[in-house]
Amino acid sequence: MLSFHIFGHPELTRDNVSVGPDGRVSYLEADNIVAAGLSVDELRDRINAELGKFRRAPQAFITPVSYRSKKYYMMGTVVRKASFPSIARSRS
């Protein structure tokens, strides 16, 4: 989960934007940007480059809100066998 903000445009803030199971994320005109495997700075550069096609010199700020990349498994006698995301929230 990510939070997006464009400098000088608080109305364009989007909180809790999830990265899809395919590792892609969309924000405003930047659609289906590959986020998997990138650092926050690398993702910001890609978002800025894509938004730059539609806006003048965008300066995006990206803040990780929570991570769900790790999973845990229930073993033994359980009601439902499945993997579950380990939800870690950032400290506020």
C-alpha atoms as a PDB file:
ATOM      1  CA  MET A   1       0.000   0.000   0.000  1.00  0.00           C
ATOM      2  CA  LEU A   2       1.353   3.386  -1.023  1.00  0.00           C
ATOM      3  CA  SER A   3       0.407   7.007  -0.529  1.00  0.00           C
ATOM      4  CA  PHE A   4       0.941   9.413  -3.462  1.00  0.00           C
ATOM      5  CA  HIS A   5       1.190  13.199  -3.409  1.00  0.00           C
ATOM      6  CA  ILE A   6       2.209  15.772  -6.035  1.00  0.00           C
ATOM      7  CA  PHE A   7       4.068  18.806  -4.686  1.00  0.00           C
ATOM      8  CA  GLY A   8       1.829  21.865  -4.757  1.00  0.00           C
ATOM      9  CA  HIS A   9      -1.336  19.870  -5.505  1.00  0.00           C
ATOM     10  CA  PRO A  10      -2.856  18.503  -2.276  1.00  0.00           C
ATOM     11  CA  GLU A  11      -6.087  17.726  -4.130  1.00  0.00           C
ATOM     12  CA  LEU A  12      -4.225  15.005  -6.065  1.00  0.00           C
ATOM     13  CA  THR A  13      -3.212  13.088  -2.933  1.00  0.00           C
ATOM     14  CA  ARG A  14      -4.190   9.424  -3.014  1.00  0.00           C
ATOM     15  CA  ASP A  15      -3.834   7.309   0.112  1.00  0.00           C
ATOM     16  CA  ASN A  16      -3.817   3.517   0.360  1.00  0.00           C
ATOM     17  CA  VAL A  17      -3.089   2.798  -3.301  1.00  0.00           C
ATOM     18  CA  SER A  18      -2.384  -0.905  -3.573  1.00  0.00           C
ATOM     19  CA  VAL A  19       0.205  -2.548  -5.752  1.00  0.00           C
ATOM     20  CA  GLY A  20      -1.557  -5.190  -7.817  1.00  0.00           C
ATOM     21  CA  PRO A  21      -0.701  -8.895  -7.711  1.00  0.00           C
ATOM     22  CA  ASP A  22       1.183  -8.364 -10.974  1.00  0.00           C
ATOM     23  CA  GLY A  23       3.439  -5.791  -9.249  1.00  0.00           C
ATOM     24  CA  ARG A  24       1.947  -2.796 -11.047  1.00  0.00           C
ATOM     25  CA  VAL A  25       0.491   0.419  -9.667  1.00  0.00           C
ATOM     26  CA  SER A  26      -1.511   3.285 -11.198  1.00  0.00           C
ATOM     27  CA  TYR A  27      -1.681   6.931 -10.120  1.00  0.00           C
ATOM     28  CA  LEU A  28      -3.413   9.632 -12.146  1.00  0.00           C
ATOM     29  CA  GLU A  29      -2.166   9.407 -15.763  1.00  0.00           C
ATOM     30  CA  ALA A  30       0.659   7.020 -14.821  1.00  0.00           C
ATOM     31  CA  ASP A  31      -1.154   3.777 -15.533  1.00  0.00           C
ATOM     32  CA  ASN A  32       0.186   0.241 -14.951  1.00  0.00           C
ATOM     33  CA  ILE A  33       3.675   1.245 -13.830  1.00  0.00           C
ATOM     34  CA  VAL A  34       5.811  -1.717 -12.723  1.00  0.00           C
ATOM     35  CA  ALA A  35       6.586  -1.200  -9.025  1.00  0.00           C
ATOM     36  CA  ALA A  36       7.749  -4.692  -8.071  1.00  0.00           C
ATOM     37  CA  GLY A  37      11.456  -4.842  -7.332  1.00  0.00           C
ATOM     38  CA  LEU A  38      11.922  -1.070  -7.334  1.00  0.00           C
ATOM     39  CA  SER A  39      12.997   1.169  -4.493  1.00  0.00           C
ATOM     40  CA  VAL A  40      10.710   4.059  -3.576  1.00  0.00           C
ATOM     41  CA  ASP A  41      13.114   6.454  -5.334  1.00  0.00           C
ATOM     42  CA  GLU A  42      13.132   4.362  -8.513  1.00  0.00           C
ATOM     43  CA  LEU A  43       9.330   4.157  -8.522  1.00  0.00           C
ATOM     44  CA  ARG A  44       9.084   7.915  -7.944  1.00  0.00           C
ATOM     45  CA  ASP A  45      11.345   8.552 -10.951  1.00  0.00           C
ATOM     46  CA  ARG A  46       9.167   6.328 -13.153  1.00  0.00           C
ATOM     47  CA  ILE A  47       5.956   7.983 -11.933  1.00  0.00           C
ATOM     48  CA  ASN A  48       7.452  11.453 -12.523  1.00  0.00           C
ATOM     49  CA  ALA A  49       8.576  10.464 -16.027  1.00  0.00           C
ATOM     50  CA  GLU A  50       5.117   9.173 -16.951  1.00  0.00           C
ATOM     51  CA  LEU A  51       3.256  12.103 -15.378  1.00  0.00           C
ATOM     52  CA  GLY A  52       5.701  14.457 -17.144  1.00  0.00           C
ATOM     53  CA  LYS A  53       4.024  13.492 -20.424  1.00  0.00           C
ATOM     54  CA  PHE A  54       0.813  15.135 -19.151  1.00  0.00           C
ATOM     55  CA  ARG A  55       1.927  17.680 -16.505  1.00  0.00           C
ATOM     56  CA  ARG A  56       4.690  20.242 -16.237  1.00  0.00           C
ATOM     57  CA  ALA A  57       7.603  19.069 -14.027  1.00  0.00           C
ATOM     58  CA  PRO A  58       5.654  16.889 -11.576  1.00  0.00           C
ATOM     59  CA  GLN A  59       7.331  16.128  -8.258  1.00  0.00           C
ATOM     60  CA  ALA A  60       5.709  13.045  -6.785  1.00  0.00           C
ATOM     61  CA  PHE A  61       6.115  11.958  -3.191  1.00  0.00           C
ATOM     62  CA  ILE A  62       5.527   8.280  -2.469  1.00  0.00           C
ATOM     63  CA  THR A  63       5.201   6.939   1.049  1.00  0.00           C
ATOM     64  CA  PRO A  64       4.859   3.237   1.838  1.00  0.00           C
ATOM     65  CA  VAL A  65       1.840   2.793   4.109  1.00  0.00           C
ATOM     66  CA  SER A  66       1.964  -0.962   4.699  1.00  0.00           C
ATOM     67  CA  TYR A  67       3.718  -4.053   3.404  1.00  0.00           C
ATOM     68  CA  ARG A  68       1.999  -7.283   2.460  1.00  0.00           C
ATOM     69  CA  SER A  69       4.765  -9.137   0.683  1.00  0.00           C
ATOM     70  CA  LYS A  70       5.215 -11.765   3.378  1.00  0.00           C
ATOM     71  CA  LYS A  71       2.743 -14.577   3.883  1.00  0.00           C
ATOM     72  CA  TYR A  72       2.070 -17.069   6.592  1.00  0.00           C
ATOM     73  CA  TYR A  73       0.437 -20.468   6.416  1.00  0.00           C
ATOM     74  CA  MET A  74      -1.841 -22.241   8.881  1.00  0.00           C
ATOM     75  CA  MET A  75      -0.998 -25.884   9.402  1.00  0.00           C
ATOM     76  CA  GLY A  76      -2.822 -28.672  11.139  1.00  0.00           C
ATOM     77  CA  THR A  77      -6.582 -28.861  11.581  1.00  0.00           C
ATOM     78  CA  VAL A  78      -7.941 -25.538  10.365  1.00  0.00           C
ATOM     79  CA  VAL A  79     -11.272 -24.287   9.051  1.00  0.00           C
ATOM     80  CA  ARG A  80      -9.775 -22.994   5.798  1.00  0.00           C
ATOM     81  CA  LYS A  81      -6.412 -23.916   4.301  1.00  0.00           C
ATOM     82  CA  ALA A  82      -4.822 -20.876   2.658  1.00  0.00           C
ATOM     83  CA  SER A  83      -1.946 -18.431   2.722  1.00  0.00           C
ATOM     84  CA  PHE A  84      -2.541 -15.085   4.379  1.00  0.00           C
ATOM     85  CA  PRO A  85      -0.686 -11.788   3.947  1.00  0.00           C
ATOM     86  CA  SER A  86       1.280 -10.619   6.950  1.00  0.00           C
ATOM     87  CA  ILE A  87       0.070  -7.070   7.437  1.00  0.00           C
ATOM     88  CA  ALA A  88       2.578  -4.635   8.880  1.00  0.00           C
ATOM     89  CA  ARG A  89       1.498  -1.058   9.243  1.00  0.00           C
ATOM     90  CA  SER A  90       3.811   1.904   9.434  1.00  0.00           C
ATOM     91  CA  ARG A  91       4.052   3.654  12.756  1.00  0.00           C
ATOM     92  CA  SER A  92       2.254   6.960  12.951  1.00  0.00           C
END
